[in-house]
Amino acid sequence: MTSIIAAMQDSLLLIESSKTGWKSHEYLKGSHPQSVTFDPRNPNRVYCGTLGDGLWKSDDGGQSWERLKNVIFSNEVTSVSASRIEQENRVYVGTEPTGLYRSDNGGESWHRMSTLNNLDSSKSWSFPPRPWTSHVRWIESDVNIPDYVFVVIEAGALVRSLDGGRTWIDRVEQGPYDTHTLSTHQKAPKRLYSSAGDGYFESFDYGQTWNRPIAGLKHHYLYGLAVDPADPNTIVVSASQSAWQGHYIEHANSLVYRRSIENDGSGEWKVFRNQKEQLLLFLPQIQKIMETSMPLTTADYFILLIQVFLGES
């Protein structure tokens, strides 16, 4: 059985495959989930950070949830990350206002990594919709080296620690300013992939220097990012012309791009094939979501997306 957990605007959706198709279940209604992650060492354990309702944990694959009280000094949990390195039983949590916490025992106890807030760039961190504050948008534990961790501040910085968050190296001038999604790759040590509001960025030296391979990319406000686990040169991103088009359904206009380096060394971005047909298929469902906020409609829409991308519809 395949299980997918999606953080929606006001709840979590657990999508499960079965012999009769996909089934959906809704949890944490009204919690405004921001980030959800499975623990690689324990596939039944899931963490979810919410905006206003703190940090939650499930030990049965998302069937039931427990709020972790008095462990994080903020109810605004904007990011959660579990280390994928086998010898690390480590979980990181990021908050608004910007704060970073680390657990080395599977979430039983937590320590604030307060030196993050002492960086020089912290004076300029600011989230445009709430310019008086900022938050940790993404935490990426390196998949190759223990204690290497990269933290994205929205907006203003992508910073790195080589000792598990005890000390920090500040942003570099040519690096991304507004990263939304960051990734490392087991088959490409030292490589970072950044999908950002200011474009697409890559580093091959753990963020000391950056380049911007954007040939073919006609939309430059990027959000989602995924890298093929088997091929570090095949990347997929979601892209819009602006934050307005990327985040608000009444003005939604986003595309999915794919980039793969071929034998001749080229690696131009291309719009995901059959996307126009997929968008036409989604329009009736999108219209239903705009007219009603019924969770079942949203769940049906999400299942439809899964079916299309898996070639089942």
C-alpha atoms as a PDB file:
ATOM      1  CA  MET A   1       0.000   0.000   0.000  1.00  0.00           C
ATOM      2  CA  THR A   2       1.194   3.488  -0.870  1.00  0.00           C
ATOM      3  CA  SER A   3       0.480   6.374   1.515  1.00  0.00           C
ATOM      4  CA  ILE A   4       0.781  10.071   0.679  1.00  0.00           C
ATOM      5  CA  ILE A   5       0.209  12.871   3.192  1.00  0.00           C
ATOM      6  CA  ALA A   6      -0.542  16.329   1.809  1.00  0.00           C
ATOM      7  CA  ALA A   7      -0.597  19.559   3.794  1.00  0.00           C
ATOM      8  CA  MET A   8      -3.642  21.495   2.591  1.00  0.00           C
ATOM      9  CA  GLN A   9      -4.705  24.980   3.646  1.00  0.00           C
ATOM     10  CA  ASP A  10      -6.720  23.916   6.700  1.00  0.00           C
ATOM     11  CA  SER A  11      -6.073  20.196   7.181  1.00  0.00           C
ATOM     12  CA  LEU A  12      -3.955  17.176   6.363  1.00  0.00           C
ATOM     13  CA  LEU A  13      -5.041  14.700   3.709  1.00  0.00           C
ATOM     14  CA  LEU A  14      -3.908  11.101   3.996  1.00  0.00           C
ATOM     15  CA  ILE A  15      -4.207   9.457   0.575  1.00  0.00           C
ATOM     16  CA  GLU A  16      -3.907   5.656   0.517  1.00  0.00           C
ATOM     17  CA  SER A  17      -3.913   3.218  -2.370  1.00  0.00           C
ATOM     18  CA  SER A  18      -6.155   0.157  -2.266  1.00  0.00           C
ATOM     19  CA  LYS A  19      -7.387  -2.594  -4.553  1.00  0.00           C
ATOM     20  CA  THR A  20     -10.388  -0.464  -5.445  1.00  0.00           C
ATOM     21  CA  GLY A  21      -8.480   2.800  -6.016  1.00  0.00           C
ATOM     22  CA  TRP A  22      -7.329   5.720  -3.880  1.00  0.00           C
ATOM     23  CA  LYS A  23      -9.000   6.620  -0.593  1.00  0.00           C
ATOM     24  CA  SER A  24      -8.647   9.844   1.366  1.00  0.00           C
ATOM     25  CA  HIS A  25      -8.899  10.712   5.061  1.00  0.00           C
ATOM     26  CA  GLU A  26      -8.792  14.190   6.571  1.00  0.00           C
ATOM     27  CA  TYR A  27      -6.994  15.060   9.834  1.00  0.00           C
ATOM     28  CA  LEU A  28      -6.007  18.108  11.909  1.00  0.00           C
ATOM     29  CA  LYS A  29      -8.894  20.207  10.613  1.00  0.00           C
ATOM     30  CA  GLY A  30      -8.397  23.929  11.128  1.00  0.00           C
ATOM     31  CA  SER A  31      -4.725  23.546  12.027  1.00  0.00           C
ATOM     32  CA  HIS A  32      -3.195  25.300   8.977  1.00  0.00           C
ATOM     33  CA  PRO A  33      -0.433  22.735   8.361  1.00  0.00           C
ATOM     34  CA  GLN A  34       2.800  24.178   6.957  1.00  0.00           C
ATOM     35  CA  SER A  35       5.156  21.216   6.736  1.00  0.00           C
ATOM     36  CA  VAL A  36       4.900  17.446   7.017  1.00  0.00           C
ATOM     37  CA  THR A  37       7.640  14.803   6.966  1.00  0.00           C
ATOM     38  CA  PHE A  38       8.034  11.074   7.495  1.00  0.00           C
ATOM     39  CA  ASP A  39      10.842   9.790   9.703  1.00  0.00           C
ATOM     40  CA  PRO A  40      13.124   7.737   7.388  1.00  0.00           C
ATOM     41  CA  ARG A  41      14.089   5.423  10.280  1.00  0.00           C
ATOM     42  CA  ASN A  42      10.490   4.793  11.264  1.00  0.00           C
ATOM     43  CA  PRO A  43       8.011   4.988   8.346  1.00  0.00           C
ATOM     44  CA  ASN A  44       5.071   4.968  10.756  1.00  0.00           C
ATOM     45  CA  ARG A  45       6.255   8.196  12.407  1.00  0.00           C
ATOM     46  CA  VAL A  46       5.171  11.474  10.859  1.00  0.00           C
ATOM     47  CA  TYR A  47       5.706  15.053  12.044  1.00  0.00           C
ATOM     48  CA  CYS A  48       3.524  18.021  11.097  1.00  0.00           C
ATOM     49  CA  GLY A  49       4.147  21.691  11.805  1.00  0.00           C
ATOM     50  CA  THR A  50       1.126  24.002  11.901  1.00  0.00           C
ATOM     51  CA  LEU A  51       0.636  27.741  11.866  1.00  0.00           C
ATOM     52  CA  GLY A  52      -0.926  28.516  15.229  1.00  0.00           C
ATOM     53  CA  ASP A  53      -1.351  24.996  16.612  1.00  0.00           C
ATOM     54  CA  GLY A  54       2.240  23.906  17.186  1.00  0.00           C
ATOM     55  CA  LEU A  55       3.978  20.624  16.400  1.00  0.00           C
ATOM     56  CA  TRP A  56       2.164  17.291  15.956  1.00  0.00           C
ATOM     57  CA  LYS A  57       3.366  13.694  15.736  1.00  0.00           C
ATOM     58  CA  SER A  58       1.845  10.446  14.529  1.00  0.00           C
ATOM     59  CA  ASP A  59       3.211   6.966  15.214  1.00  0.00           C
ATOM     60  CA  ASP A  60       0.739   5.065  13.034  1.00  0.00           C
ATOM     61  CA  GLY A  61       1.377   6.537   9.606  1.00  0.00           C
ATOM     62  CA  GLY A  62      -0.982   9.486  10.045  1.00  0.00           C
ATOM     63  CA  GLN A  63      -4.058   7.634  11.339  1.00  0.00           C
ATOM     64  CA  SER A  64      -3.974   9.452  14.689  1.00  0.00           C
ATOM     65  CA  TRP A  65      -2.103  12.534  15.924  1.00  0.00           C
ATOM     66  CA  GLU A  66      -0.679  13.823  19.201  1.00  0.00           C
ATOM     67  CA  ARG A  67       0.277  17.425  19.828  1.00  0.00           C
ATOM     68  CA  LEU A  68       3.757  17.802  21.318  1.00  0.00           C
ATOM     69  CA  LYS A  69       3.230  20.359  24.071  1.00  0.00           C
ATOM     70  CA  ASN A  70       5.840  22.463  25.855  1.00  0.00           C
ATOM     71  CA  VAL A  71       8.673  21.348  23.563  1.00  0.00           C
ATOM     72  CA  ILE A  72       8.813  24.209  21.033  1.00  0.00           C
ATOM     73  CA  PHE A  73       8.524  27.787  22.260  1.00  0.00           C
ATOM     74  CA  SER A  74       6.243  28.824  19.421  1.00  0.00           C
ATOM     75  CA  ASN A  75       2.902  27.651  18.075  1.00  0.00           C
ATOM     76  CA  GLU A  76       3.911  28.867  14.605  1.00  0.00           C
ATOM     77  CA  VAL A  77       5.829  25.855  13.252  1.00  0.00           C
ATOM     78  CA  THR A  78       6.721  26.520   9.634  1.00  0.00           C
ATOM     79  CA  SER A  79       9.114  23.662   8.783  1.00  0.00           C
ATOM     80  CA  VAL A  80      10.024  20.148   9.955  1.00  0.00           C
ATOM     81  CA  SER A  81      12.866  17.936   8.742  1.00  0.00           C
ATOM     82  CA  ALA A  82      14.037  14.457   9.782  1.00  0.00           C
ATOM     83  CA  SER A  83      17.592  13.442   8.964  1.00  0.00           C
ATOM     84  CA  ARG A  84      17.923  10.730   6.321  1.00  0.00           C
ATOM     85  CA  ILE A  85      21.345   9.621   7.553  1.00  0.00           C
ATOM     86  CA  GLU A  86      20.933   6.304   9.334  1.00  0.00           C
ATOM     87  CA  GLN A  87      23.210   7.061  12.289  1.00  0.00           C
ATOM     88  CA  GLU A  88      21.371  10.312  13.075  1.00  0.00           C
ATOM     89  CA  ASN A  89      18.100  10.053  15.013  1.00  0.00           C
ATOM     90  CA  ARG A  90      17.656  13.754  14.486  1.00  0.00           C
ATOM     91  CA  VAL A  91      14.720  16.036  13.796  1.00  0.00           C
ATOM     92  CA  TYR A  92      14.819  19.791  13.154  1.00  0.00           C
ATOM     93  CA  VAL A  93      11.914  22.211  13.547  1.00  0.00           C
ATOM     94  CA  GLY A  94      11.730  25.814  12.325  1.00  0.00           C
ATOM     95  CA  THR A  95       9.339  28.501  13.545  1.00  0.00           C
ATOM     96  CA  GLU A  96       7.991  32.022  13.104  1.00  0.00           C
ATOM     97  CA  PRO A  97       9.495  34.293  14.325  1.00  0.00           C
ATOM     98  CA  THR A  98      12.659  32.654  13.028  1.00  0.00           C
ATOM     99  CA  GLY A  99      13.864  29.980  15.415  1.00  0.00           C
ATOM    100  CA  LEU A 100      15.447  26.559  15.005  1.00  0.00           C
ATOM    101  CA  TYR A 101      15.106  23.549  17.322  1.00  0.00           C
ATOM    102  CA  ARG A 102      16.836  20.168  17.257  1.00  0.00           C
ATOM    103  CA  SER A 103      15.960  16.798  18.757  1.00  0.00           C
ATOM    104  CA  ASP A 104      18.448  13.918  18.894  1.00  0.00           C
ATOM    105  CA  ASN A 105      16.039  11.341  20.324  1.00  0.00           C
ATOM    106  CA  GLY A 106      13.141  11.212  17.909  1.00  0.00           C
ATOM    107  CA  GLY A 107      11.306  14.224  19.300  1.00  0.00           C
ATOM    108  CA  GLU A 108      11.397  13.319  22.999  1.00  0.00           C
ATOM    109  CA  SER A 109      13.361  16.453  23.927  1.00  0.00           C
ATOM    110  CA  TRP A 110      14.411  19.598  22.067  1.00  0.00           C
ATOM    111  CA  HIS A 111      17.141  22.227  22.157  1.00  0.00           C
ATOM    112  CA  ARG A 112      17.016  25.659  20.569  1.00  0.00           C
ATOM    113  CA  MET A 113      19.928  26.386  18.221  1.00  0.00           C
ATOM    114  CA  SER A 114      19.973  30.067  19.137  1.00  0.00           C
ATOM    115  CA  THR A 115      23.207  31.019  17.340  1.00  0.00           C
ATOM    116  CA  LEU A 116      21.245  31.065  14.079  1.00  0.00           C
ATOM    117  CA  ASN A 117      19.684  34.354  15.146  1.00  0.00           C
ATOM    118  CA  ASN A 118      23.102  35.947  15.719  1.00  0.00           C
ATOM    119  CA  LEU A 119      24.018  36.009  12.026  1.00  0.00           C
ATOM    120  CA  ASP A 120      24.658  39.457  10.529  1.00  0.00           C
ATOM    121  CA  SER A 121      22.021  38.921   7.849  1.00  0.00           C
ATOM    122  CA  SER A 122      19.323  38.412  10.508  1.00  0.00           C
ATOM    123  CA  LYS A 123      18.828  42.183  10.674  1.00  0.00           C
ATOM    124  CA  SER A 124      17.368  42.127   7.166  1.00  0.00           C
ATOM    125  CA  TRP A 125      15.202  38.983   7.356  1.00  0.00           C
ATOM    126  CA  SER A 126      11.614  39.884   6.497  1.00  0.00           C
ATOM    127  CA  PHE A 127       8.595  37.987   5.121  1.00  0.00           C
ATOM    128  CA  PRO A 128       6.830  40.344   2.644  1.00  0.00           C
ATOM    129  CA  PRO A 129       3.207  39.569   3.683  1.00  0.00           C
ATOM    130  CA  ARG A 130       4.255  40.137   7.338  1.00  0.00           C
ATOM    131  CA  PRO A 131       7.338  42.370   6.976  1.00  0.00           C
ATOM    132  CA  TRP A 132       7.834  42.730  10.736  1.00  0.00           C
ATOM    133  CA  THR A 133       8.787  39.066  11.041  1.00  0.00           C
ATOM    134  CA  SER A 134      10.401  36.133   9.230  1.00  0.00           C
ATOM    135  CA  HIS A 135      10.393  32.349   9.517  1.00  0.00           C
ATOM    136  CA  VAL A 136      12.262  29.177   8.670  1.00  0.00           C
ATOM    137  CA  ARG A 137      10.751  28.064   5.375  1.00  0.00           C
ATOM    138  CA  TRP A 138      12.879  24.939   4.747  1.00  0.00           C
ATOM    139  CA  ILE A 139      15.402  22.763   6.604  1.00  0.00           C
ATOM    140  CA  GLU A 140      17.583  20.382   4.606  1.00  0.00           C
ATOM    141  CA  SER A 141      19.768  17.856   6.425  1.00  0.00           C
ATOM    142  CA  ASP A 142      22.506  16.750   4.081  1.00  0.00           C
ATOM    143  CA  VAL A 143      21.963  13.170   2.908  1.00  0.00           C
ATOM    144  CA  ASN A 144      25.706  12.451   2.782  1.00  0.00           C
ATOM    145  CA  ILE A 145      27.500  14.027   5.751  1.00  0.00           C
ATOM    146  CA  PRO A 146      26.226  13.976   9.364  1.00  0.00           C
ATOM    147  CA  ASP A 147      25.823  17.376  11.043  1.00  0.00           C
ATOM    148  CA  TYR A 148      25.650  19.281   7.738  1.00  0.00           C
ATOM    149  CA  VAL A 149      22.367  21.189   7.716  1.00  0.00           C
ATOM    150  CA  PHE A 150      21.042  24.016   5.529  1.00  0.00           C
ATOM    151  CA  VAL A 151      18.334  26.425   6.656  1.00  0.00           C
ATOM    152  CA  VAL A 152      16.231  28.729   4.504  1.00  0.00           C
ATOM    153  CA  ILE A 153      14.864  31.949   5.977  1.00  0.00           C
ATOM    154  CA  GLU A 154      11.816  33.470   4.299  1.00  0.00           C
ATOM    155  CA  ALA A 155      12.834  35.874   3.197  1.00  0.00           C
ATOM    156  CA  GLY A 156      16.448  36.859   3.244  1.00  0.00           C
ATOM    157  CA  ALA A 157      18.918  34.003   3.542  1.00  0.00           C
ATOM    158  CA  LEU A 158      20.064  30.481   2.856  1.00  0.00           C
ATOM    159  CA  VAL A 159      22.564  29.624   5.592  1.00  0.00           C
ATOM    160  CA  ARG A 160      24.553  26.499   6.510  1.00  0.00           C
ATOM    161  CA  SER A 161      25.938  24.737   9.540  1.00  0.00           C
ATOM    162  CA  LEU A 162      28.640  22.069   9.497  1.00  0.00           C
ATOM    163  CA  ASP A 163      28.203  21.063  13.134  1.00  0.00           C
ATOM    164  CA  GLY A 164      24.515  20.277  13.546  1.00  0.00           C
ATOM    165  CA  GLY A 165      23.382  23.857  14.111  1.00  0.00           C
ATOM    166  CA  ARG A 166      25.836  24.891  16.798  1.00  0.00           C
ATOM    167  CA  THR A 167      27.532  27.480  14.577  1.00  0.00           C
ATOM    168  CA  TRP A 168      26.506  29.022  11.265  1.00  0.00           C
ATOM    169  CA  ILE A 169      27.957  30.333   8.006  1.00  0.00           C
ATOM    170  CA  ASP A 170      25.967  33.298   6.680  1.00  0.00           C
ATOM    171  CA  ARG A 171      24.516  33.714   3.198  1.00  0.00           C
ATOM    172  CA  VAL A 172      26.726  34.531   0.244  1.00  0.00           C
ATOM    173  CA  GLU A 173      25.988  37.483  -2.022  1.00  0.00           C
ATOM    174  CA  GLN A 174      25.452  35.522  -5.232  1.00  0.00           C
ATOM    175  CA  GLY A 175      23.219  32.931  -3.562  1.00  0.00           C
ATOM    176  CA  PRO A 176      19.408  32.744  -3.544  1.00  0.00           C
ATOM    177  CA  TYR A 177      17.568  35.279  -1.407  1.00  0.00           C
ATOM    178  CA  ASP A 178      14.089  33.733  -1.265  1.00  0.00           C
ATOM    179  CA  THR A 179      14.460  29.934  -1.397  1.00  0.00           C
ATOM    180  CA  HIS A 180      11.224  27.987  -0.978  1.00  0.00           C
ATOM    181  CA  THR A 181      12.485  24.420  -1.470  1.00  0.00           C
ATOM    182  CA  LEU A 182      16.040  23.113  -1.068  1.00  0.00           C
ATOM    183  CA  SER A 183      17.401  19.657  -1.813  1.00  0.00           C
ATOM    184  CA  THR A 184      20.573  17.589  -1.529  1.00  0.00           C
ATOM    185  CA  HIS A 185      21.233  14.310  -3.339  1.00  0.00           C
ATOM    186  CA  GLN A 186      22.839  11.069  -2.225  1.00  0.00           C
ATOM    187  CA  LYS A 187      24.479  10.551  -5.622  1.00  0.00           C
ATOM    188  CA  ALA A 188      25.759  14.127  -5.880  1.00  0.00           C
ATOM    189  CA  PRO A 189      27.730  15.062  -2.747  1.00  0.00           C
ATOM    190  CA  LYS A 190      28.153  18.808  -2.162  1.00  0.00           C
ATOM    191  CA  ARG A 191      25.353  19.679  -4.602  1.00  0.00           C
ATOM    192  CA  LEU A 192      22.465  21.933  -3.562  1.00  0.00           C
ATOM    193  CA  TYR A 193      19.311  22.637  -5.562  1.00  0.00           C
ATOM    194  CA  SER A 194      17.319  25.782  -4.751  1.00  0.00           C
ATOM    195  CA  SER A 195      13.835  26.618  -6.023  1.00  0.00           C
ATOM    196  CA  ALA A 196      13.387  30.273  -5.099  1.00  0.00           C
ATOM    197  CA  GLY A 197      11.243  33.340  -5.556  1.00  0.00           C
ATOM    198  CA  ASP A 198      14.247  34.888  -7.286  1.00  0.00           C
ATOM    199  CA  GLY A 199      14.752  31.933  -9.650  1.00  0.00           C
ATOM    200  CA  TYR A 200      16.546  28.610  -9.828  1.00  0.00           C
ATOM    201  CA  PHE A 201      20.005  28.157  -8.289  1.00  0.00           C
ATOM    202  CA  GLU A 202      22.535  25.332  -7.993  1.00  0.00           C
ATOM    203  CA  SER A 203      25.723  24.917  -5.978  1.00  0.00           C
ATOM    204  CA  PHE A 204      28.372  22.222  -6.314  1.00  0.00           C
ATOM    205  CA  ASP A 205      30.361  23.157  -3.206  1.00  0.00           C
ATOM    206  CA  TYR A 206      27.772  23.175  -0.398  1.00  0.00           C
ATOM    207  CA  GLY A 207      26.706  26.767  -1.019  1.00  0.00           C
ATOM    208  CA  GLN A 208      30.041  28.556  -1.174  1.00  0.00           C
ATOM    209  CA  THR A 209      29.347  29.529  -4.795  1.00  0.00           C
ATOM    210  CA  TRP A 210      26.202  29.417  -6.918  1.00  0.00           C
ATOM    211  CA  ASN A 211      25.166  29.380 -10.565  1.00  0.00           C
ATOM    212  CA  ARG A 212      21.812  29.864 -12.298  1.00  0.00           C
ATOM    213  CA  PRO A 213      21.087  27.443 -15.159  1.00  0.00           C
ATOM    214  CA  ILE A 214      17.884  29.043 -16.462  1.00  0.00           C
ATOM    215  CA  ALA A 215      17.946  28.360 -20.225  1.00  0.00           C
ATOM    216  CA  GLY A 216      14.379  27.592 -21.287  1.00  0.00           C
ATOM    217  CA  LEU A 217      12.854  28.714 -17.977  1.00  0.00           C
ATOM    218  CA  LYS A 218      10.329  31.432 -18.825  1.00  0.00           C
ATOM    219  CA  HIS A 219       8.709  31.634 -15.400  1.00  0.00           C
ATOM    220  CA  HIS A 220      11.074  32.768 -12.668  1.00  0.00           C
ATOM    221  CA  TYR A 221       9.061  32.623  -9.446  1.00  0.00           C
ATOM    222  CA  LEU A 222       9.771  29.048  -8.343  1.00  0.00           C
ATOM    223  CA  TYR A 223       8.314  27.109  -5.419  1.00  0.00           C
ATOM    224  CA  GLY A 224       8.219  23.289  -5.567  1.00  0.00           C
ATOM    225  CA  LEU A 225      11.235  21.178  -6.487  1.00  0.00           C
ATOM    226  CA  ALA A 226      11.947  17.470  -6.845  1.00  0.00           C
ATOM    227  CA  VAL A 227      15.097  15.665  -7.988  1.00  0.00           C
ATOM    228  CA  ASP A 228      15.055  12.146  -9.421  1.00  0.00           C
ATOM    229  CA  PRO A 229      16.520   9.866  -6.696  1.00  0.00           C
ATOM    230  CA  ALA A 230      18.255   7.804  -9.388  1.00  0.00           C
ATOM    231  CA  ASP A 231      19.561  10.742 -11.446  1.00  0.00           C
ATOM    232  CA  PRO A 232      20.846  13.957  -9.827  1.00  0.00           C
ATOM    233  CA  ASN A 233      20.692  15.698 -13.200  1.00  0.00           C
ATOM    234  CA  THR A 234      16.928  15.340 -13.637  1.00  0.00           C
ATOM    235  CA  ILE A 235      15.037  18.106 -11.823  1.00  0.00           C
ATOM    236  CA  VAL A 236      11.378  19.161 -11.761  1.00  0.00           C
ATOM    237  CA  VAL A 237      10.153  22.555 -10.500  1.00  0.00           C
ATOM    238  CA  SER A 238       6.874  24.441 -10.282  1.00  0.00           C
ATOM    239  CA  ALA A 239       7.096  27.989 -11.617  1.00  0.00           C
ATOM    240  CA  SER A 240       4.986  31.138 -11.998  1.00  0.00           C
ATOM    241  CA  GLN A 241       5.517  34.698 -13.162  1.00  0.00           C
ATOM    242  CA  SER A 242       4.888  36.089  -9.667  1.00  0.00           C
ATOM    243  CA  ALA A 243       4.010  35.210  -6.091  1.00  0.00           C
ATOM    244  CA  TRP A 244       0.463  36.368  -6.821  1.00  0.00           C
ATOM    245  CA  GLN A 245       0.085  33.776  -9.573  1.00  0.00           C
ATOM    246  CA  GLY A 246       1.848  31.120  -7.528  1.00  0.00           C
ATOM    247  CA  HIS A 247      -0.179  31.327  -4.310  1.00  0.00           C
ATOM    248  CA  TYR A 248      -3.679  32.677  -5.013  1.00  0.00           C
ATOM    249  CA  ILE A 249      -6.137  30.420  -6.811  1.00  0.00           C
ATOM    250  CA  GLU A 250      -8.130  33.303  -8.309  1.00  0.00           C
ATOM    251  CA  HIS A 251      -4.968  34.352 -10.185  1.00  0.00           C
ATOM    252  CA  ALA A 252      -3.331  30.916 -10.464  1.00  0.00           C
ATOM    253  CA  ASN A 253      -1.005  30.489 -13.419  1.00  0.00           C
ATOM    254  CA  SER A 254       1.766  28.002 -12.766  1.00  0.00           C
ATOM    255  CA  LEU A 255       3.607  25.459 -14.879  1.00  0.00           C
ATOM    256  CA  VAL A 256       5.795  22.453 -14.182  1.00  0.00           C
ATOM    257  CA  TYR A 257       9.235  22.455 -15.808  1.00  0.00           C
ATOM    258  CA  ARG A 258      11.690  19.584 -16.193  1.00  0.00           C
ATOM    259  CA  ARG A 259      15.434  19.757 -16.778  1.00  0.00           C
ATOM    260  CA  SER A 260      17.657  16.803 -17.617  1.00  0.00           C
ATOM    261  CA  ILE A 261      21.279  16.924 -18.753  1.00  0.00           C
ATOM    262  CA  GLU A 262      21.599  14.872 -21.917  1.00  0.00           C
ATOM    263  CA  ASN A 263      24.638  13.126 -23.334  1.00  0.00           C
ATOM    264  CA  ASP A 264      25.695  16.250 -25.227  1.00  0.00           C
ATOM    265  CA  GLY A 265      25.860  18.228 -21.980  1.00  0.00           C
ATOM    266  CA  SER A 266      22.814  20.427 -22.637  1.00  0.00           C
ATOM    267  CA  GLY A 267      20.274  20.915 -19.914  1.00  0.00           C
ATOM    268  CA  GLU A 268      17.541  23.283 -21.034  1.00  0.00           C
ATOM    269  CA  TRP A 269      14.324  23.566 -19.036  1.00  0.00           C
ATOM    270  CA  LYS A 270      11.230  22.272 -20.802  1.00  0.00           C
ATOM    271  CA  VAL A 271       7.566  22.540 -19.860  1.00  0.00           C
ATOM    272  CA  PHE A 272       6.325  19.190 -18.572  1.00  0.00           C
ATOM    273  CA  ARG A 273       4.813  17.206 -21.436  1.00  0.00           C
ATOM    274  CA  ASN A 274       1.005  16.941 -21.772  1.00  0.00           C
ATOM    275  CA  GLN A 275       0.585  19.683 -19.188  1.00  0.00           C
ATOM    276  CA  LYS A 276      -2.022  21.626 -21.175  1.00  0.00           C
ATOM    277  CA  GLU A 277      -4.181  18.523 -21.427  1.00  0.00           C
ATOM    278  CA  GLN A 278      -3.777  17.923 -17.703  1.00  0.00           C
ATOM    279  CA  LEU A 279      -4.815  21.487 -16.910  1.00  0.00           C
ATOM    280  CA  LEU A 280      -7.966  21.089 -19.016  1.00  0.00           C
ATOM    281  CA  LEU A 281      -8.757  17.923 -17.095  1.00  0.00           C
ATOM    282  CA  PHE A 282      -8.320  19.734 -13.753  1.00  0.00           C
ATOM    283  CA  LEU A 283     -10.469  22.782 -14.599  1.00  0.00           C
ATOM    284  CA  PRO A 284     -13.830  21.320 -13.464  1.00  0.00           C
ATOM    285  CA  GLN A 285     -12.288  20.272 -10.155  1.00  0.00           C
ATOM    286  CA  ILE A 286     -10.629  23.664  -9.687  1.00  0.00           C
ATOM    287  CA  GLN A 287     -13.981  25.344 -10.321  1.00  0.00           C
ATOM    288  CA  LYS A 288     -15.614  23.221  -7.623  1.00  0.00           C
ATOM    289  CA  ILE A 289     -12.908  24.162  -5.129  1.00  0.00           C
ATOM    290  CA  MET A 290     -13.407  27.858  -5.890  1.00  0.00           C
ATOM    291  CA  GLU A 291     -17.180  27.610  -5.450  1.00  0.00           C
ATOM    292  CA  THR A 292     -17.126  25.491  -2.281  1.00  0.00           C
ATOM    293  CA  SER A 293     -14.541  24.717   0.367  1.00  0.00           C
ATOM    294  CA  MET A 294     -15.813  21.194   0.986  1.00  0.00           C
ATOM    295  CA  PRO A 295     -12.918  18.939   2.098  1.00  0.00           C
ATOM    296  CA  LEU A 296     -14.277  16.045   0.011  1.00  0.00           C
ATOM    297  CA  THR A 297     -14.017  18.130  -3.153  1.00  0.00           C
ATOM    298  CA  THR A 298     -10.426  18.981  -2.329  1.00  0.00           C
ATOM    299  CA  ALA A 299      -9.655  15.346  -1.608  1.00  0.00           C
ATOM    300  CA  ASP A 300     -11.203  14.241  -4.900  1.00  0.00           C
ATOM    301  CA  TYR A 301      -9.140  16.857  -6.717  1.00  0.00           C
ATOM    302  CA  PHE A 302      -5.934  15.673  -5.064  1.00  0.00           C
ATOM    303  CA  ILE A 303      -6.693  12.038  -5.917  1.00  0.00           C
ATOM    304  CA  LEU A 304      -7.320  13.123  -9.500  1.00  0.00           C
ATOM    305  CA  LEU A 305      -3.896  14.748  -9.603  1.00  0.00           C
ATOM    306  CA  ILE A 306      -2.272  11.532  -8.372  1.00  0.00           C
ATOM    307  CA  GLN A 307      -4.131   9.456 -10.933  1.00  0.00           C
ATOM    308  CA  VAL A 308      -3.127  11.707 -13.809  1.00  0.00           C
ATOM    309  CA  PHE A 309       0.555  11.843 -12.909  1.00  0.00           C
ATOM    310  CA  LEU A 310       0.635   8.085 -12.388  1.00  0.00           C
ATOM    311  CA  GLY A 311      -1.091   7.523 -15.705  1.00  0.00           C
ATOM    312  CA  GLU A 312      -4.241   6.082 -14.140  1.00  0.00           C
ATOM    313  CA  SER A 313      -6.666   8.596 -15.611  1.00  0.00           C
END
